[in-house]
Amino acid sequence: MKTYKIFKDPLGSVQAIKDGWSWPGFFFGAFWALFHRMWWVGLGLMGVATLIILGEDTIGTGVADGLLNVLSVVVSVGFGIGGNALRVGQYIRRGYEEIAVVQAANVEMALIQGHAAAVTKPGMR
């Protein structure tokens, strides 16, 4: 069983975010951030990588390759560890309310439990 945080937006839509490690964040990094509309994070990482590539003549190919490799590992592990926490913060900034924390086998089951929590929580529709 995995732990999911359940969020409800101001219009009543319910979303679930898995707590803990994010495999898509680990494997897809900046593209994952862009997919989840974290524009500054995704474009910022792409910008840093572009600057390293453009500065390759100045700093040397070996150094540029090393920097890109280090950046890749740091970004992958960083998004793996903190990617879902970034999404939680983004949802809160957009006005979503955390309504429940549930244990479920998958996101579909978490959403079913989340809809039940939205109905039973006072003040929820």
N, C-alpha and C. Protein backbone atom coordinates (compact mmCIF):
# COMPACT_ATOMS: atom_id res chain seq x y z
N MET A 1 0.84 -1.19 0.00
CA MET A 1 0.00 0.00 0.00
C MET A 1 0.88 1.25 0.00
N LYS A 2 0.40 2.24 -0.71
CA LYS A 2 1.12 3.51 -0.79
C LYS A 2 0.28 4.58 -0.11
N THR A 3 0.95 5.64 0.32
CA THR A 3 0.28 6.76 0.94
C THR A 3 0.04 7.84 -0.10
N TYR A 4 -1.18 8.35 -0.15
CA TYR A 4 -1.55 9.41 -1.08
C TYR A 4 -2.15 10.57 -0.30
N LYS A 5 -1.81 11.79 -0.72
CA LYS A 5 -2.46 12.98 -0.19
C LYS A 5 -3.56 13.34 -1.17
N ILE A 6 -4.74 13.61 -0.64
CA ILE A 6 -5.90 13.92 -1.46
C ILE A 6 -6.18 15.41 -1.36
N PHE A 7 -6.33 16.05 -2.51
CA PHE A 7 -6.58 17.49 -2.59
C PHE A 7 -7.87 17.76 -3.33
N LYS A 8 -8.55 18.83 -2.90
CA LYS A 8 -9.77 19.26 -3.56
C LYS A 8 -9.57 20.69 -4.02
N ASP A 9 -9.85 20.96 -5.29
CA ASP A 9 -9.70 22.32 -5.80
C ASP A 9 -10.97 23.12 -5.50
N PRO A 10 -10.93 24.44 -5.68
CA PRO A 10 -12.09 25.27 -5.37
C PRO A 10 -13.36 24.90 -6.15
N LEU A 11 -13.21 24.24 -7.30
CA LEU A 11 -14.37 23.84 -8.10
C LEU A 11 -14.88 22.46 -7.74
N GLY A 12 -14.21 21.77 -6.83
CA GLY A 12 -14.67 20.47 -6.36
C GLY A 12 -13.96 19.26 -6.94
N SER A 13 -13.02 19.46 -7.83
CA SER A 13 -12.27 18.35 -8.40
C SER A 13 -11.32 17.77 -7.35
N VAL A 14 -11.22 16.44 -7.31
CA VAL A 14 -10.36 15.77 -6.34
C VAL A 14 -9.15 15.18 -7.06
N GLN A 15 -7.96 15.41 -6.50
CA GLN A 15 -6.71 14.92 -7.07
C GLN A 15 -5.93 14.17 -5.99
N ALA A 16 -5.14 13.20 -6.40
CA ALA A 16 -4.31 12.44 -5.47
C ALA A 16 -2.84 12.56 -5.87
N ILE A 17 -1.98 12.77 -4.88
CA ILE A 17 -0.53 12.81 -5.11
C ILE A 17 0.11 11.80 -4.17
N LYS A 18 0.88 10.90 -4.75
CA LYS A 18 1.57 9.88 -3.94
C LYS A 18 2.62 10.55 -3.07
N ASP A 19 2.71 10.09 -1.85
CA ASP A 19 3.72 10.59 -0.93
C ASP A 19 5.00 9.79 -1.16
N GLY A 20 6.14 10.46 -1.13
CA GLY A 20 7.40 9.74 -1.26
C GLY A 20 8.03 9.86 -2.63
N TRP A 21 8.82 8.85 -3.00
CA TRP A 21 9.64 8.84 -4.20
C TRP A 21 8.80 8.96 -5.47
N SER A 22 9.28 9.78 -6.42
CA SER A 22 8.61 9.96 -7.71
C SER A 22 9.47 9.36 -8.82
N TRP A 23 9.09 8.19 -9.31
CA TRP A 23 9.84 7.58 -10.42
C TRP A 23 9.76 8.41 -11.70
N PRO A 24 8.59 8.94 -12.07
CA PRO A 24 8.57 9.79 -13.28
C PRO A 24 9.46 11.02 -13.12
N GLY A 25 9.46 11.63 -11.93
CA GLY A 25 10.34 12.77 -11.68
C GLY A 25 11.80 12.39 -11.81
N PHE A 26 12.15 11.20 -11.32
CA PHE A 26 13.52 10.71 -11.40
C PHE A 26 13.95 10.50 -12.85
N PHE A 27 13.11 9.86 -13.64
CA PHE A 27 13.50 9.51 -15.01
C PHE A 27 13.37 10.66 -16.01
N PHE A 28 12.43 11.58 -15.79
CA PHE A 28 12.16 12.59 -16.82
C PHE A 28 12.52 14.02 -16.41
N GLY A 29 12.89 14.26 -15.16
CA GLY A 29 13.42 15.53 -14.69
C GLY A 29 12.68 16.78 -15.15
N ALA A 30 13.36 17.61 -15.92
CA ALA A 30 12.80 18.89 -16.35
C ALA A 30 11.54 18.70 -17.18
N PHE A 31 11.48 17.66 -18.00
CA PHE A 31 10.28 17.42 -18.80
C PHE A 31 9.10 17.06 -17.90
N TRP A 32 9.37 16.33 -16.83
CA TRP A 32 8.34 16.00 -15.85
C TRP A 32 7.82 17.29 -15.21
N ALA A 33 8.74 18.20 -14.86
CA ALA A 33 8.34 19.47 -14.25
C ALA A 33 7.47 20.28 -15.21
N LEU A 34 7.85 20.33 -16.47
CA LEU A 34 7.05 21.05 -17.46
C LEU A 34 5.68 20.40 -17.64
N PHE A 35 5.63 19.08 -17.66
CA PHE A 35 4.36 18.36 -17.79
C PHE A 35 3.41 18.73 -16.66
N HIS A 36 3.96 18.94 -15.46
CA HIS A 36 3.15 19.29 -14.29
C HIS A 36 3.04 20.80 -14.11
N ARG A 37 3.36 21.55 -15.14
CA ARG A 37 3.21 23.01 -15.19
C ARG A 37 4.03 23.74 -14.13
N MET A 38 5.18 23.19 -13.82
CA MET A 38 6.14 23.87 -12.95
C MET A 38 7.13 24.55 -13.89
N TRP A 39 6.65 25.61 -14.54
CA TRP A 39 7.38 26.24 -15.64
C TRP A 39 8.76 26.72 -15.22
N TRP A 40 8.86 27.42 -14.09
CA TRP A 40 10.15 28.00 -13.68
C TRP A 40 11.17 26.92 -13.38
N VAL A 41 10.73 25.85 -12.79
CA VAL A 41 11.65 24.76 -12.47
C VAL A 41 12.14 24.09 -13.75
N GLY A 42 11.22 23.69 -14.61
CA GLY A 42 11.59 22.99 -15.84
C GLY A 42 12.42 23.85 -16.77
N LEU A 43 11.97 25.07 -17.02
CA LEU A 43 12.70 25.95 -17.93
C LEU A 43 14.03 26.40 -17.32
N GLY A 44 14.06 26.57 -16.00
CA GLY A 44 15.32 26.94 -15.34
C GLY A 44 16.38 25.86 -15.51
N LEU A 45 15.98 24.61 -15.32
CA LEU A 45 16.93 23.50 -15.50
C LEU A 45 17.40 23.40 -16.94
N MET A 46 16.47 23.57 -17.87
CA MET A 46 16.86 23.54 -19.28
C MET A 46 17.78 24.71 -19.61
N GLY A 47 17.53 25.86 -18.99
CA GLY A 47 18.39 27.01 -19.21
C GLY A 47 19.80 26.79 -18.69
N VAL A 48 19.92 26.20 -17.52
CA VAL A 48 21.25 25.90 -16.97
C VAL A 48 22.00 24.93 -17.88
N ALA A 49 21.31 23.88 -18.34
CA ALA A 49 21.94 22.92 -19.25
C ALA A 49 22.36 23.59 -20.54
N THR A 50 21.53 24.49 -21.06
CA THR A 50 21.86 25.21 -22.29
C THR A 50 23.08 26.10 -22.09
N LEU A 51 23.16 26.79 -20.96
CA LEU A 51 24.33 27.63 -20.68
C LEU A 51 25.61 26.81 -20.61
N ILE A 52 25.53 25.64 -20.00
CA ILE A 52 26.71 24.77 -19.93
C ILE A 52 27.13 24.35 -21.33
N ILE A 53 26.17 23.98 -22.16
CA ILE A 53 26.48 23.56 -23.53
C ILE A 53 27.06 24.71 -24.34
N LEU A 54 26.46 25.91 -24.20
CA LEU A 54 26.96 27.07 -24.94
C LEU A 54 28.35 27.50 -24.45
N GLY A 55 28.63 27.27 -23.19
CA GLY A 55 29.94 27.64 -22.64
C GLY A 55 30.99 26.56 -22.80
N GLU A 56 30.65 25.51 -23.55
CA GLU A 56 31.56 24.38 -23.71
C GLU A 56 32.91 24.79 -24.28
N ASP A 57 32.93 25.71 -25.23
CA ASP A 57 34.21 26.15 -25.81
C ASP A 57 35.07 26.86 -24.77
N THR A 58 34.44 27.62 -23.90
CA THR A 58 35.18 28.38 -22.90
C THR A 58 35.69 27.49 -21.77
N ILE A 59 34.84 26.60 -21.27
CA ILE A 59 35.23 25.80 -20.11
C ILE A 59 35.83 24.45 -20.49
N GLY A 60 35.74 24.07 -21.74
CA GLY A 60 36.31 22.79 -22.18
C GLY A 60 35.25 21.70 -22.23
N THR A 61 35.41 20.83 -23.20
CA THR A 61 34.43 19.76 -23.41
C THR A 61 34.35 18.81 -22.22
N GLY A 62 35.49 18.45 -21.67
CA GLY A 62 35.51 17.52 -20.53
C GLY A 62 34.79 18.09 -19.32
N VAL A 63 35.04 19.37 -19.04
CA VAL A 63 34.40 20.03 -17.90
C VAL A 63 32.89 20.14 -18.14
N ALA A 64 32.51 20.53 -19.36
CA ALA A 64 31.09 20.66 -19.69
C ALA A 64 30.38 19.32 -19.57
N ASP A 65 31.00 18.27 -20.07
CA ASP A 65 30.41 16.93 -19.96
C ASP A 65 30.25 16.53 -18.49
N GLY A 66 31.27 16.81 -17.70
CA GLY A 66 31.20 16.49 -16.28
C GLY A 66 30.09 17.27 -15.58
N LEU A 67 29.99 18.57 -15.89
CA LEU A 67 28.94 19.38 -15.28
C LEU A 67 27.55 18.88 -15.67
N LEU A 68 27.37 18.53 -16.94
CA LEU A 68 26.08 18.01 -17.39
C LEU A 68 25.74 16.69 -16.71
N ASN A 69 26.75 15.84 -16.54
CA ASN A 69 26.51 14.56 -15.85
C ASN A 69 26.12 14.78 -14.39
N VAL A 70 26.84 15.67 -13.72
CA VAL A 70 26.52 15.97 -12.32
C VAL A 70 25.12 16.58 -12.22
N LEU A 71 24.82 17.54 -13.11
CA LEU A 71 23.50 18.17 -13.12
C LEU A 71 22.41 17.12 -13.33
N SER A 72 22.64 16.21 -14.24
CA SER A 72 21.67 15.17 -14.53
C SER A 72 21.39 14.29 -13.31
N VAL A 73 22.45 13.87 -12.64
CA VAL A 73 22.28 13.02 -11.45
C VAL A 73 21.59 13.78 -10.33
N VAL A 74 22.02 15.01 -10.08
CA VAL A 74 21.43 15.82 -9.01
C VAL A 74 19.94 16.07 -9.28
N VAL A 75 19.61 16.43 -10.52
CA VAL A 75 18.22 16.70 -10.87
C VAL A 75 17.39 15.43 -10.75
N SER A 76 17.90 14.32 -11.25
CA SER A 76 17.15 13.06 -11.18
C SER A 76 16.86 12.65 -9.74
N VAL A 77 17.88 12.65 -8.91
CA VAL A 77 17.69 12.27 -7.51
C VAL A 77 16.83 13.30 -6.79
N GLY A 78 17.05 14.58 -7.09
CA GLY A 78 16.25 15.63 -6.46
C GLY A 78 14.77 15.51 -6.77
N PHE A 79 14.44 15.29 -8.05
CA PHE A 79 13.04 15.11 -8.41
C PHE A 79 12.49 13.79 -7.90
N GLY A 80 13.33 12.78 -7.81
CA GLY A 80 12.87 11.52 -7.24
C GLY A 80 12.47 11.69 -5.78
N ILE A 81 13.33 12.37 -5.02
CA ILE A 81 13.07 12.57 -3.59
C ILE A 81 11.99 13.62 -3.34
N GLY A 82 12.08 14.75 -4.02
CA GLY A 82 11.21 15.88 -3.69
C GLY A 82 10.18 16.26 -4.73
N GLY A 83 10.08 15.50 -5.81
CA GLY A 83 9.15 15.87 -6.88
C GLY A 83 7.70 15.93 -6.44
N ASN A 84 7.26 14.93 -5.70
CA ASN A 84 5.87 14.93 -5.25
C ASN A 84 5.62 16.04 -4.23
N ALA A 85 6.62 16.38 -3.43
CA ALA A 85 6.48 17.50 -2.50
C ALA A 85 6.35 18.82 -3.26
N LEU A 86 7.07 18.95 -4.38
CA LEU A 86 6.91 20.14 -5.23
C LEU A 86 5.48 20.24 -5.75
N ARG A 87 4.92 19.11 -6.15
CA ARG A 87 3.54 19.10 -6.65
C ARG A 87 2.56 19.48 -5.54
N VAL A 88 2.79 18.99 -4.32
CA VAL A 88 1.92 19.34 -3.20
C VAL A 88 1.95 20.85 -2.98
N GLY A 89 3.14 21.43 -2.96
CA GLY A 89 3.27 22.88 -2.79
C GLY A 89 2.58 23.65 -3.90
N GLN A 90 2.70 23.15 -5.11
CA GLN A 90 2.05 23.80 -6.25
C GLN A 90 0.52 23.76 -6.10
N TYR A 91 -0.02 22.63 -5.68
CA TYR A 91 -1.47 22.52 -5.49
C TYR A 91 -1.95 23.48 -4.41
N ILE A 92 -1.21 23.58 -3.32
CA ILE A 92 -1.61 24.48 -2.24
C ILE A 92 -1.59 25.93 -2.72
N ARG A 93 -0.55 26.32 -3.47
CA ARG A 93 -0.48 27.69 -4.01
C ARG A 93 -1.63 27.97 -4.97
N ARG A 94 -2.13 26.97 -5.64
CA ARG A 94 -3.24 27.15 -6.59
C ARG A 94 -4.61 27.10 -5.92
N GLY A 95 -4.63 26.99 -4.61
CA GLY A 95 -5.90 27.04 -3.90
C GLY A 95 -6.52 25.69 -3.58
N TYR A 96 -5.80 24.62 -3.83
CA TYR A 96 -6.31 23.30 -3.45
C TYR A 96 -6.23 23.15 -1.94
N GLU A 97 -7.15 22.37 -1.39
CA GLU A 97 -7.15 22.09 0.04
C GLU A 97 -6.86 20.60 0.25
N GLU A 98 -5.93 20.30 1.14
CA GLU A 98 -5.67 18.90 1.47
C GLU A 98 -6.81 18.41 2.35
N ILE A 99 -7.52 17.38 1.87
CA ILE A 99 -8.70 16.91 2.60
C ILE A 99 -8.49 15.57 3.27
N ALA A 100 -7.47 14.82 2.85
CA ALA A 100 -7.26 13.50 3.46
C ALA A 100 -5.89 12.97 3.10
N VAL A 101 -5.44 12.03 3.90
CA VAL A 101 -4.27 11.21 3.60
C VAL A 101 -4.76 9.78 3.68
N VAL A 102 -4.60 9.04 2.58
CA VAL A 102 -5.16 7.69 2.52
C VAL A 102 -4.08 6.67 2.14
N GLN A 103 -4.35 5.43 2.48
CA GLN A 103 -3.51 4.30 2.08
C GLN A 103 -4.27 3.58 0.97
N ALA A 104 -3.62 3.39 -0.18
CA ALA A 104 -4.29 2.72 -1.29
C ALA A 104 -3.25 1.99 -2.14
N ALA A 105 -3.72 1.01 -2.90
CA ALA A 105 -2.85 0.23 -3.77
C ALA A 105 -2.42 1.02 -5.00
N ASN A 106 -3.29 1.93 -5.47
CA ASN A 106 -2.98 2.72 -6.67
C ASN A 106 -3.74 4.04 -6.62
N VAL A 107 -3.47 4.90 -7.59
CA VAL A 107 -4.06 6.23 -7.58
C VAL A 107 -5.57 6.18 -7.76
N GLU A 108 -6.08 5.22 -8.53
CA GLU A 108 -7.52 5.11 -8.73
C GLU A 108 -8.24 4.82 -7.41
N MET A 109 -7.70 3.88 -6.64
CA MET A 109 -8.30 3.56 -5.34
C MET A 109 -8.17 4.75 -4.38
N ALA A 110 -7.06 5.46 -4.46
CA ALA A 110 -6.88 6.65 -3.62
C ALA A 110 -7.93 7.71 -3.95
N LEU A 111 -8.22 7.88 -5.24
CA LEU A 111 -9.23 8.86 -5.64
C LEU A 111 -10.63 8.45 -5.16
N ILE A 112 -10.93 7.16 -5.19
CA ILE A 112 -12.22 6.69 -4.68
C ILE A 112 -12.33 7.04 -3.19
N GLN A 113 -11.27 6.76 -2.43
CA GLN A 113 -11.27 7.10 -1.01
C GLN A 113 -11.33 8.62 -0.82
N GLY A 114 -10.66 9.35 -1.71
CA GLY A 114 -10.66 10.81 -1.64
C GLY A 114 -12.04 11.40 -1.87
N HIS A 115 -12.78 10.84 -2.83
CA HIS A 115 -14.14 11.31 -3.06
C HIS A 115 -15.01 11.06 -1.83
N ALA A 116 -14.82 9.92 -1.19
CA ALA A 116 -15.56 9.62 0.04
C ALA A 116 -15.19 10.61 1.14
N ALA A 117 -13.91 10.94 1.24
CA ALA A 117 -13.46 11.91 2.25
C ALA A 117 -14.03 13.29 1.96
N ALA A 118 -14.13 13.66 0.68
CA ALA A 118 -14.66 14.97 0.32
C ALA A 118 -16.13 15.08 0.70
N VAL A 119 -16.85 13.97 0.61
CA VAL A 119 -18.27 13.97 0.95
C VAL A 119 -18.47 14.04 2.46
N THR A 120 -17.61 13.34 3.22
CA THR A 120 -17.81 13.27 4.67
C THR A 120 -17.18 14.42 5.44
N LYS A 121 -16.26 15.17 4.82
CA LYS A 121 -15.62 16.28 5.54
C LYS A 121 -16.59 17.45 5.62
N PRO A 122 -16.77 18.03 6.81
CA PRO A 122 -17.69 19.16 6.96
C PRO A 122 -17.29 20.31 6.04
N GLY A 123 -18.29 20.90 5.42
CA GLY A 123 -18.04 22.04 4.53
C GLY A 123 -17.68 21.64 3.12
N MET A 124 -17.58 20.35 2.85
CA MET A 124 -17.25 19.87 1.50
C MET A 124 -18.53 19.48 0.79
N ARG A 125 -18.52 19.59 -0.54
CA ARG A 125 -19.68 19.17 -1.33
C ARG A 125 -19.60 17.70 -1.63
